[in-house]
């Protein structure tokens, strides 16, 4: 779980906590299993009951997806850059093949 400081009006800071998927699934499993009520979970972990409701809904309908880490986001950006570069180089190779092909005068 990480804390993200946010600056607001008058330099007031509000901090949002991020919970990993394992924590969310574990908490919902305890509630669904009856070992913990939603109110107890909210109190013990400092989480709003409405947030727990959202996690339960996402888990049960299959819409909960883990967020990519900063390093994963960076890797995705690099992959896109390399894909563009491969595309550009493929065009250049095709052009060079056409220009160096025997019987081709180099003019279209």
N, C-alpha and C. Protein backbone atom coordinates (compact mmCIF):
# COMPACT_ATOMS: atom_id res chain seq x y z
N UNK A 1 0.85 -1.16 0.00
CA UNK A 1 0.00 0.00 0.00
C UNK A 1 0.90 1.22 0.00
N UNK A 2 0.71 2.13 -0.94
CA UNK A 2 1.49 3.36 -1.01
C UNK A 2 0.63 4.56 -0.70
N UNK A 3 1.26 5.65 -0.35
CA UNK A 3 0.54 6.89 -0.06
C UNK A 3 0.93 7.92 -1.09
N UNK A 4 -0.05 8.58 -1.68
CA UNK A 4 0.19 9.57 -2.71
C UNK A 4 -0.24 10.93 -2.18
N UNK A 5 0.71 11.84 -1.93
CA UNK A 5 0.31 13.17 -1.45
C UNK A 5 -0.23 14.01 -2.59
N UNK A 6 -1.28 14.75 -2.33
CA UNK A 6 -1.87 15.65 -3.32
C UNK A 6 -1.90 17.05 -2.73
N UNK A 7 -1.50 18.03 -3.50
CA UNK A 7 -1.53 19.42 -3.04
C UNK A 7 -2.83 20.05 -3.50
N UNK A 8 -3.50 20.72 -2.60
CA UNK A 8 -4.75 21.37 -2.94
C UNK A 8 -4.65 22.85 -2.70
N UNK A 9 -5.79 23.49 -2.61
CA UNK A 9 -5.85 24.93 -2.37
C UNK A 9 -5.27 25.20 -0.98
N UNK A 10 -4.45 26.24 -0.88
CA UNK A 10 -3.86 26.60 0.39
C UNK A 10 -2.82 25.60 0.87
N UNK A 11 -2.25 24.84 -0.04
CA UNK A 11 -1.22 23.86 0.26
C UNK A 11 -1.68 22.78 1.23
N UNK A 12 -2.98 22.56 1.34
CA UNK A 12 -3.47 21.44 2.14
C UNK A 12 -3.13 20.16 1.40
N UNK A 13 -2.69 19.18 2.13
CA UNK A 13 -2.31 17.93 1.49
C UNK A 13 -3.34 16.86 1.84
N UNK A 14 -3.79 16.18 0.81
CA UNK A 14 -4.67 15.05 1.01
C UNK A 14 -3.91 13.84 0.51
N UNK A 15 -3.92 12.78 1.27
CA UNK A 15 -3.17 11.61 0.88
C UNK A 15 -4.12 10.47 0.56
N UNK A 16 -3.91 9.88 -0.61
CA UNK A 16 -4.69 8.73 -1.02
C UNK A 16 -3.82 7.50 -0.84
N UNK A 17 -4.41 6.48 -0.27
CA UNK A 17 -3.69 5.22 -0.12
C UNK A 17 -4.05 4.32 -1.27
N UNK A 18 -3.09 3.55 -1.71
CA UNK A 18 -3.34 2.56 -2.76
C UNK A 18 -3.18 1.19 -2.16
N UNK A 19 -4.13 0.34 -2.43
CA UNK A 19 -4.11 -1.02 -1.91
C UNK A 19 -3.86 -1.96 -3.08
N UNK A 20 -2.99 -2.93 -2.87
CA UNK A 20 -2.74 -3.87 -3.96
C UNK A 20 -3.88 -4.86 -4.07
N UNK A 21 -3.92 -5.54 -5.19
CA UNK A 21 -5.03 -6.44 -5.48
C UNK A 21 -5.10 -7.57 -4.46
N UNK A 22 -3.96 -8.04 -4.01
CA UNK A 22 -3.94 -9.14 -3.03
C UNK A 22 -4.64 -8.72 -1.73
N UNK A 23 -4.37 -7.50 -1.27
CA UNK A 23 -5.03 -7.00 -0.06
C UNK A 23 -6.54 -6.93 -0.27
N UNK A 24 -6.96 -6.37 -1.39
CA UNK A 24 -8.39 -6.22 -1.67
C UNK A 24 -9.09 -7.57 -1.70
N UNK A 25 -8.49 -8.51 -2.42
CA UNK A 25 -9.10 -9.85 -2.54
C UNK A 25 -9.14 -10.55 -1.18
N UNK A 26 -8.09 -10.39 -0.39
CA UNK A 26 -8.06 -11.02 0.93
C UNK A 26 -9.13 -10.45 1.85
N UNK A 27 -9.28 -9.13 1.84
CA UNK A 27 -10.27 -8.49 2.67
C UNK A 27 -11.69 -8.91 2.27
N UNK A 28 -11.94 -8.91 0.97
CA UNK A 28 -13.27 -9.32 0.49
C UNK A 28 -13.52 -10.80 0.81
N UNK A 29 -12.50 -11.63 0.72
CA UNK A 29 -12.66 -13.05 1.05
C UNK A 29 -13.03 -13.23 2.53
N UNK A 30 -12.40 -12.43 3.40
CA UNK A 30 -12.74 -12.51 4.82
C UNK A 30 -14.19 -12.09 5.07
N UNK A 31 -14.62 -11.06 4.38
CA UNK A 31 -16.00 -10.59 4.53
C UNK A 31 -16.97 -11.63 3.97
N UNK A 32 -16.67 -12.12 2.77
CA UNK A 32 -17.55 -13.12 2.16
C UNK A 32 -17.58 -14.41 2.97
N UNK A 33 -16.47 -14.75 3.61
CA UNK A 33 -16.39 -15.97 4.41
C UNK A 33 -17.03 -15.84 5.78
N UNK A 34 -17.40 -14.61 6.16
CA UNK A 34 -18.08 -14.41 7.43
C UNK A 34 -17.15 -14.21 8.61
N UNK A 35 -15.85 -14.20 8.40
CA UNK A 35 -14.93 -14.01 9.53
C UNK A 35 -14.78 -12.54 9.90
N UNK A 36 -15.31 -11.66 9.06
CA UNK A 36 -15.20 -10.22 9.28
C UNK A 36 -16.41 -9.55 8.64
N UNK A 37 -16.97 -8.57 9.33
CA UNK A 37 -18.06 -7.82 8.70
C UNK A 37 -17.46 -6.65 7.93
N UNK A 38 -18.26 -6.10 7.05
CA UNK A 38 -17.79 -4.95 6.28
C UNK A 38 -17.45 -3.78 7.21
N UNK A 39 -18.27 -3.57 8.23
CA UNK A 39 -18.03 -2.49 9.17
C UNK A 39 -16.73 -2.71 9.94
N UNK A 40 -16.48 -3.95 10.37
CA UNK A 40 -15.24 -4.25 11.07
C UNK A 40 -14.04 -4.02 10.17
N UNK A 41 -14.12 -4.49 8.94
CA UNK A 41 -13.02 -4.34 7.98
C UNK A 41 -12.74 -2.86 7.73
N UNK A 42 -13.79 -2.09 7.57
CA UNK A 42 -13.63 -0.66 7.31
C UNK A 42 -12.94 0.01 8.50
N UNK A 43 -13.38 -0.32 9.70
CA UNK A 43 -12.81 0.28 10.90
C UNK A 43 -11.35 -0.13 11.10
N UNK A 44 -11.08 -1.43 11.00
CA UNK A 44 -9.74 -1.95 11.26
C UNK A 44 -8.70 -1.46 10.25
N UNK A 45 -9.13 -1.26 9.02
CA UNK A 45 -8.18 -0.90 7.97
C UNK A 45 -8.29 0.55 7.51
N UNK A 46 -9.21 1.29 8.11
CA UNK A 46 -9.35 2.70 7.76
C UNK A 46 -9.80 2.89 6.32
N UNK A 47 -10.71 2.02 5.90
CA UNK A 47 -11.22 2.04 4.52
C UNK A 47 -12.71 2.35 4.56
N UNK A 48 -13.17 3.18 3.65
CA UNK A 48 -14.60 3.50 3.59
C UNK A 48 -15.40 2.26 3.18
N UNK A 49 -16.54 2.04 3.83
CA UNK A 49 -17.38 0.88 3.46
C UNK A 49 -17.78 0.90 1.98
N UNK A 50 -17.97 2.10 1.43
CA UNK A 50 -18.34 2.17 0.01
C UNK A 50 -17.20 1.69 -0.88
N UNK A 51 -15.96 1.89 -0.44
CA UNK A 51 -14.81 1.40 -1.20
C UNK A 51 -14.78 -0.13 -1.16
N UNK A 52 -15.08 -0.69 -0.01
CA UNK A 52 -15.15 -2.15 0.10
C UNK A 52 -16.25 -2.69 -0.81
N UNK A 53 -17.40 -1.99 -0.85
CA UNK A 53 -18.48 -2.41 -1.75
C UNK A 53 -18.00 -2.42 -3.20
N UNK A 54 -17.25 -1.38 -3.58
CA UNK A 54 -16.73 -1.31 -4.95
C UNK A 54 -15.79 -2.47 -5.22
N UNK A 55 -14.89 -2.77 -4.29
CA UNK A 55 -13.96 -3.90 -4.48
C UNK A 55 -14.72 -5.21 -4.62
N UNK A 56 -15.73 -5.40 -3.78
CA UNK A 56 -16.53 -6.64 -3.85
C UNK A 56 -17.19 -6.78 -5.22
N UNK A 57 -17.80 -5.70 -5.66
CA UNK A 57 -18.47 -5.72 -6.97
C UNK A 57 -17.47 -6.04 -8.08
N UNK A 58 -16.30 -5.38 -8.05
CA UNK A 58 -15.29 -5.61 -9.08
C UNK A 58 -14.78 -7.04 -9.05
N UNK A 59 -14.57 -7.58 -7.86
CA UNK A 59 -14.08 -8.95 -7.74
C UNK A 59 -15.13 -9.93 -8.24
N UNK A 60 -16.36 -9.74 -7.83
CA UNK A 60 -17.42 -10.68 -8.20
C UNK A 60 -17.81 -10.61 -9.67
N UNK A 61 -17.72 -9.43 -10.28
CA UNK A 61 -18.07 -9.36 -11.71
C UNK A 61 -16.85 -9.48 -12.62
N UNK A 62 -15.66 -9.65 -12.03
CA UNK A 62 -14.46 -9.87 -12.82
C UNK A 62 -13.84 -8.63 -13.43
N UNK A 63 -14.26 -7.47 -12.97
CA UNK A 63 -13.73 -6.24 -13.58
C UNK A 63 -12.51 -5.68 -12.86
N UNK A 64 -12.09 -6.31 -11.76
CA UNK A 64 -10.90 -5.81 -11.05
C UNK A 64 -9.65 -6.22 -11.81
N UNK A 65 -8.86 -5.23 -12.12
CA UNK A 65 -7.61 -5.48 -12.84
C UNK A 65 -6.49 -4.79 -12.10
N UNK A 66 -5.36 -5.46 -11.99
CA UNK A 66 -4.25 -4.80 -11.30
C UNK A 66 -3.72 -3.64 -12.12
N UNK A 67 -3.29 -2.59 -11.43
CA UNK A 67 -2.71 -1.44 -12.11
C UNK A 67 -1.25 -1.74 -12.44
N UNK A 68 -0.81 -1.31 -13.61
CA UNK A 68 0.60 -1.52 -13.93
C UNK A 68 1.50 -0.68 -13.04
N UNK A 69 2.63 -1.24 -12.67
CA UNK A 69 3.60 -0.51 -11.84
C UNK A 69 4.28 0.55 -12.71
N UNK A 70 4.96 1.50 -12.10
CA UNK A 70 5.68 2.51 -12.89
C UNK A 70 6.69 1.88 -13.86
N UNK A 71 7.36 0.82 -13.42
CA UNK A 71 8.32 0.18 -14.33
C UNK A 71 7.61 -0.51 -15.49
N UNK A 72 6.43 -1.08 -15.24
CA UNK A 72 5.66 -1.69 -16.33
C UNK A 72 5.19 -0.63 -17.33
N UNK A 73 4.78 0.53 -16.81
CA UNK A 73 4.37 1.62 -17.69
C UNK A 73 5.53 2.07 -18.56
N UNK A 74 6.72 2.18 -17.96
CA UNK A 74 7.91 2.58 -18.71
C UNK A 74 8.23 1.55 -19.79
N UNK A 75 8.13 0.27 -19.45
CA UNK A 75 8.39 -0.79 -20.43
C UNK A 75 7.38 -0.73 -21.58
N UNK A 76 6.13 -0.43 -21.27
CA UNK A 76 5.11 -0.32 -22.32
C UNK A 76 5.44 0.84 -23.26
N UNK A 77 5.89 1.97 -22.70
CA UNK A 77 6.27 3.12 -23.55
C UNK A 77 7.46 2.75 -24.44
N UNK A 78 8.44 2.07 -23.86
CA UNK A 78 9.61 1.65 -24.64
C UNK A 78 9.20 0.69 -25.76
N UNK A 79 8.31 -0.25 -25.43
CA UNK A 79 7.85 -1.21 -26.44
C UNK A 79 7.19 -0.49 -27.60
N UNK A 80 6.33 0.49 -27.31
CA UNK A 80 5.67 1.26 -28.38
C UNK A 80 6.70 2.00 -29.22
N UNK A 81 7.73 2.56 -28.58
CA UNK A 81 8.77 3.27 -29.32
C UNK A 81 9.50 2.31 -30.26
N UNK A 82 9.83 1.11 -29.75
CA UNK A 82 10.53 0.14 -30.58
C UNK A 82 9.66 -0.38 -31.72
N UNK A 83 8.36 -0.52 -31.47
CA UNK A 83 7.46 -0.94 -32.55
C UNK A 83 7.44 0.09 -33.67
N UNK A 84 7.40 1.38 -33.30
CA UNK A 84 7.43 2.43 -34.32
C UNK A 84 8.74 2.39 -35.10
N UNK A 85 9.84 2.18 -34.39
CA UNK A 85 11.15 2.14 -35.03
C UNK A 85 11.24 0.96 -36.00
N UNK A 86 10.74 -0.20 -35.60
CA UNK A 86 10.74 -1.37 -36.48
C UNK A 86 9.91 -1.09 -37.72
N UNK A 87 8.80 -0.42 -37.57
CA UNK A 87 7.97 -0.06 -38.72
C UNK A 87 8.71 0.85 -39.69
N UNK A 88 9.39 1.85 -39.13
CA UNK A 88 10.16 2.77 -39.98
C UNK A 88 11.28 2.03 -40.70
N UNK A 89 11.99 1.17 -39.99
CA UNK A 89 13.09 0.43 -40.61
C UNK A 89 12.60 -0.56 -41.66
N UNK A 90 11.42 -1.14 -41.44
CA UNK A 90 10.85 -2.06 -42.43
C UNK A 90 10.56 -1.33 -43.74
N UNK A 91 10.05 -0.12 -43.63
CA UNK A 91 9.77 0.69 -44.82
C UNK A 91 11.09 0.99 -45.54
N UNK A 92 12.13 1.33 -44.79
CA UNK A 92 13.43 1.63 -45.40
C UNK A 92 14.02 0.41 -46.09
N UNK A 93 13.90 -0.76 -45.46
CA UNK A 93 14.42 -2.00 -46.06
C UNK A 93 13.69 -2.31 -47.35
N UNK A 94 12.37 -2.17 -47.33
CA UNK A 94 11.58 -2.42 -48.54
C UNK A 94 11.99 -1.48 -49.66
N UNK A 95 12.20 -0.22 -49.34
CA UNK A 95 12.62 0.75 -50.34
C UNK A 95 14.00 0.40 -50.91
N UNK A 96 14.93 0.02 -50.05
CA UNK A 96 16.27 -0.36 -50.50
C UNK A 96 16.23 -1.61 -51.38
N UNK A 97 15.37 -2.56 -51.04
CA UNK A 97 15.23 -3.77 -51.86
C UNK A 97 14.75 -3.42 -53.26
N UNK A 98 13.79 -2.50 -53.34
CA UNK A 98 13.27 -2.10 -54.64
C UNK A 98 14.34 -1.39 -55.46
N UNK A 99 15.15 -0.58 -54.79
CA UNK A 99 16.17 0.19 -55.50
C UNK A 99 17.35 -0.67 -55.95
N UNK A 100 17.64 -1.75 -55.22
CA UNK A 100 18.80 -2.58 -55.55
C UNK A 100 18.43 -3.86 -56.28
N UNK A 101 17.18 -4.04 -56.58
CA UNK A 101 16.73 -5.26 -57.25
C UNK A 101 17.25 -5.26 -58.71
N UNK A 102 17.86 -6.38 -59.19
CA UNK A 102 18.34 -6.43 -60.58
C UNK A 102 17.21 -6.18 -61.58
N UNK A 103 17.52 -5.46 -62.60
CA UNK A 103 16.53 -5.17 -63.61
C UNK A 103 15.69 -3.94 -63.27
N UNK A 104 15.92 -3.38 -62.11
CA UNK A 104 15.20 -2.19 -61.70
C UNK A 104 16.11 -1.00 -61.92
N UNK A 105 15.66 -0.08 -62.69
CA UNK A 105 16.51 1.09 -63.01
C UNK A 105 16.51 2.12 -61.89
N UNK A 106 15.69 1.88 -60.87
CA UNK A 106 15.63 2.83 -59.76
C UNK A 106 14.60 3.90 -59.99
N UNK A 107 13.93 3.87 -61.16
CA UNK A 107 12.90 4.87 -61.44
C UNK A 107 11.55 4.19 -61.42
N UNK A 108 10.56 4.87 -60.95
CA UNK A 108 9.22 4.31 -60.91
C UNK A 108 8.46 4.65 -62.16
